[in-house]
C-alpha cells in the first residue's frame, strides 16, 4: 500500500529589492475574478478586475469615519468602491454615491471576491495556513506509519 506523500511548498525567499518590487507591482495590477450571484432563482455572473490594495489604502478606507456609527454594510461598500474595476477600461465600477444603488446580492458577491484578493478579514490566510499545516501533518503521519509497518532489520 503506497500512499502519495504530499510535498509542502516552501515560501519563496526574496531579497529586499525584490520584495519592494513585487509589492509595488502587485498593488498596481488588477486580478481577474468572476462574481456570481442570484436574483430570484436565476444565477448571474460578471467578470471584473479586483485591485490589490496597499496597506495605506486599506487603512485609509474608513479614516475620518466615526467607528461607533460605521456599519458592516458601509465597510463592504467601501471595499467594493476601492477594489472593483471594469476589466476592459480599468476604471472603478462604482463611486461612493452609486454603490448604494446596486442590488445587495451584487454588492455581496463583489465584496466576497474583493476579500478573496485582499483578505480584509484574515480568513483566507488562516485557510491557507490550515491547508499547509494539514499537508505537513498528514505527510509526517504517513511517514511514521510506513516506518511502523516495516520490519526492523537487526
Protein backbone atom coordinates (compact mmCIF):
# COMPACT_ATOMS: atom_id res chain seq x y z
CA UNK A 1 0.00 0.00 0.00
CA UNK A 2 1.82 3.07 -1.22
CA UNK A 3 0.38 6.43 -0.43
CA UNK A 4 1.47 9.60 -2.11
CA UNK A 5 3.48 11.85 0.17
CA UNK A 6 2.35 15.45 -0.14
CA UNK A 7 5.14 17.92 -0.72
CA UNK A 8 4.94 21.13 1.26
CA UNK A 9 5.70 24.15 -0.86
CA UNK A 10 8.35 26.28 0.76
CA UNK A 11 7.97 30.05 0.73
CA UNK A 12 9.86 31.95 -1.93
CA UNK A 13 12.80 33.76 -0.33
CA UNK A 14 13.05 37.35 -1.55
CA UNK A 15 15.74 39.97 -1.20
CA UNK A 16 14.65 43.41 -0.02
CA UNK A 17 14.75 44.94 -3.51
CA UNK A 18 12.74 42.02 -4.91
CA UNK A 19 10.21 42.36 -2.10
CA UNK A 20 9.65 46.07 -2.75
CA UNK A 21 9.36 45.50 -6.50
CA UNK A 22 6.86 42.65 -6.01
CA UNK A 23 4.82 44.75 -3.59
CA UNK A 24 4.66 47.73 -5.96
CA UNK A 25 3.81 45.58 -8.99
CA UNK A 26 1.09 43.69 -7.14
CA UNK A 27 -0.62 46.86 -5.92
CA UNK A 28 -0.96 48.33 -9.44
CA UNK A 29 -2.32 45.19 -11.08
CA UNK A 30 -5.93 44.04 -11.28
CA UNK A 31 -6.75 40.41 -10.57
CA UNK A 32 -9.36 38.92 -12.93
CA UNK A 33 -12.25 37.44 -10.92
CA UNK A 34 -15.76 36.22 -11.60
CA UNK A 35 -18.56 37.18 -9.21
CA UNK A 36 -21.68 35.02 -9.12
CA UNK A 37 -24.99 35.98 -7.56
CA UNK A 38 -28.68 35.06 -7.65
CA UNK A 39 -31.70 37.21 -8.33
CA UNK A 40 -34.71 35.10 -7.51
CA UNK A 41 -33.99 31.66 -8.93
CA UNK A 42 -31.65 32.85 -11.71
CA UNK A 43 -27.89 32.84 -11.34
CA UNK A 44 -25.80 35.60 -12.91
CA UNK A 45 -22.07 36.16 -13.12
CA UNK A 46 -19.85 39.04 -14.08
CA UNK A 47 -16.12 39.29 -14.79
CA UNK A 48 -14.38 42.19 -13.08
CA UNK A 49 -10.91 43.32 -12.13
CA UNK A 50 -10.09 43.42 -8.43
CA UNK A 51 -7.45 45.83 -7.25
CA UNK A 52 -4.94 44.63 -4.69
CA UNK A 53 -4.89 47.39 -2.10
CA UNK A 54 -1.77 48.64 -0.38
CA UNK A 55 -1.62 48.73 3.39
CA UNK A 56 -2.23 52.50 3.41
CA UNK A 57 -5.21 52.16 1.09
CA UNK A 58 -6.82 49.63 3.44
CA UNK A 59 -6.13 51.79 6.49
CA UNK A 60 -7.47 54.92 4.80
CA UNK A 61 -10.74 53.34 3.66
CA UNK A 62 -12.56 54.38 6.83
CA UNK A 63 -10.25 57.17 8.03
CA UNK A 64 -12.23 60.07 9.45
CA UNK A 65 -15.36 57.97 9.96
CA UNK A 66 -16.81 57.52 13.43
CA UNK A 67 -16.23 53.83 14.28
CA UNK A 68 -19.32 53.87 16.51
CA UNK A 69 -21.50 54.76 13.52
CA UNK A 70 -19.92 52.61 10.79
CA UNK A 71 -21.99 49.60 9.78
CA UNK A 72 -20.64 46.41 8.21
CA UNK A 73 -22.59 47.42 5.09
CA UNK A 74 -20.61 50.69 4.98
CA UNK A 75 -17.37 48.78 5.20
CA UNK A 76 -18.46 46.35 2.45
CA UNK A 77 -19.43 49.24 0.18
CA UNK A 78 -16.09 50.99 0.84
CA UNK A 79 -14.22 47.78 -0.06
CA UNK A 80 -16.22 47.40 -3.29
CA UNK A 81 -15.72 51.05 -4.34
CA UNK A 82 -11.96 50.83 -3.72
CA UNK A 83 -11.32 47.45 -5.34
CA UNK A 84 -13.82 46.57 -8.07
CA UNK A 85 -12.91 47.76 -11.57
CA UNK A 86 -14.14 47.33 -15.12
CA UNK A 87 -11.69 44.80 -16.61
CA UNK A 88 -11.60 46.44 -20.01
CA UNK A 89 -11.41 50.14 -19.12
CA UNK A 90 -9.54 49.69 -15.82
CA UNK A 91 -11.88 52.27 -14.27
CA UNK A 92 -13.73 51.83 -10.98
CA UNK A 93 -17.13 50.21 -11.40
CA UNK A 94 -18.74 52.28 -8.64
CA UNK A 95 -18.39 55.57 -6.81
CA UNK A 96 -19.37 56.19 -3.20
CA UNK A 97 -22.67 57.59 -4.50
CA UNK A 98 -23.53 54.82 -6.99
CA UNK A 99 -22.55 51.75 -4.96
CA UNK A 100 -25.61 52.04 -2.74
CA UNK A 101 -27.99 51.84 -5.68
CA UNK A 102 -26.76 48.39 -6.76
CA UNK A 103 -28.51 45.16 -5.78
CA UNK A 104 -27.44 43.80 -2.39
CA UNK A 105 -26.75 40.39 -3.96
CA UNK A 106 -24.31 42.00 -6.40
CA UNK A 107 -22.53 44.01 -3.71
CA UNK A 108 -22.24 40.89 -1.54
CA UNK A 109 -20.77 38.88 -4.44
CA UNK A 110 -18.32 41.66 -5.34
CA UNK A 111 -17.29 42.08 -1.72
CA UNK A 112 -16.67 38.33 -1.47
CA UNK A 113 -14.23 38.32 -4.40
CA UNK A 114 -12.64 41.54 -3.17
CA UNK A 115 -11.99 39.82 0.17
CA UNK A 116 -10.56 36.77 -1.63
CA UNK A 117 -7.96 39.05 -3.21
CA UNK A 118 -7.30 41.46 -0.31
CA UNK A 119 -8.13 39.21 2.65
CA UNK A 120 -9.58 42.03 4.75
CA UNK A 121 -10.64 39.61 7.47
CA UNK A 122 -7.58 37.36 7.52
CA UNK A 123 -9.87 34.38 6.82
CA UNK A 124 -8.06 33.31 3.65
CA UNK A 125 -4.66 33.45 5.32
CA UNK A 126 -5.96 31.18 8.07
CA UNK A 127 -7.38 28.73 5.48
CA UNK A 128 -4.05 28.62 3.64
CA UNK A 129 -2.13 28.05 6.86
CA UNK A 130 -4.53 25.29 7.87
CA UNK A 131 -4.10 23.58 4.49
CA UNK A 132 -0.34 23.91 4.72
CA UNK A 133 -0.31 22.52 8.27
CA UNK A 134 -2.62 19.63 7.39
CA UNK A 135 -0.34 18.75 4.47
CA UNK A 136 2.67 18.72 6.76
CA UNK A 137 0.85 16.75 9.44
CA UNK A 138 -0.53 14.12 7.09
CA UNK A 139 2.85 13.68 5.37
CA UNK A 140 4.68 13.20 8.65
CA UNK A 141 1.95 10.86 9.94
CA UNK A 142 2.12 8.79 6.77
CA UNK A 143 5.89 8.51 7.08
CA UNK A 144 5.59 7.40 10.71
CA UNK A 145 3.01 4.77 9.72
CA UNK A 146 5.30 3.47 6.99
CA UNK A 147 8.16 3.18 9.50
CA UNK A 148 5.95 1.18 11.86
CA UNK A 149 4.89 -1.21 9.10
CA UNK A 150 8.46 -2.00 8.01
CA UNK A 151 10.09 -4.90 9.83
CA UNK A 152 13.16 -3.82 11.73
CA UNK A 153 16.48 -5.06 10.37
CA UNK A 154 18.51 -6.38 13.29
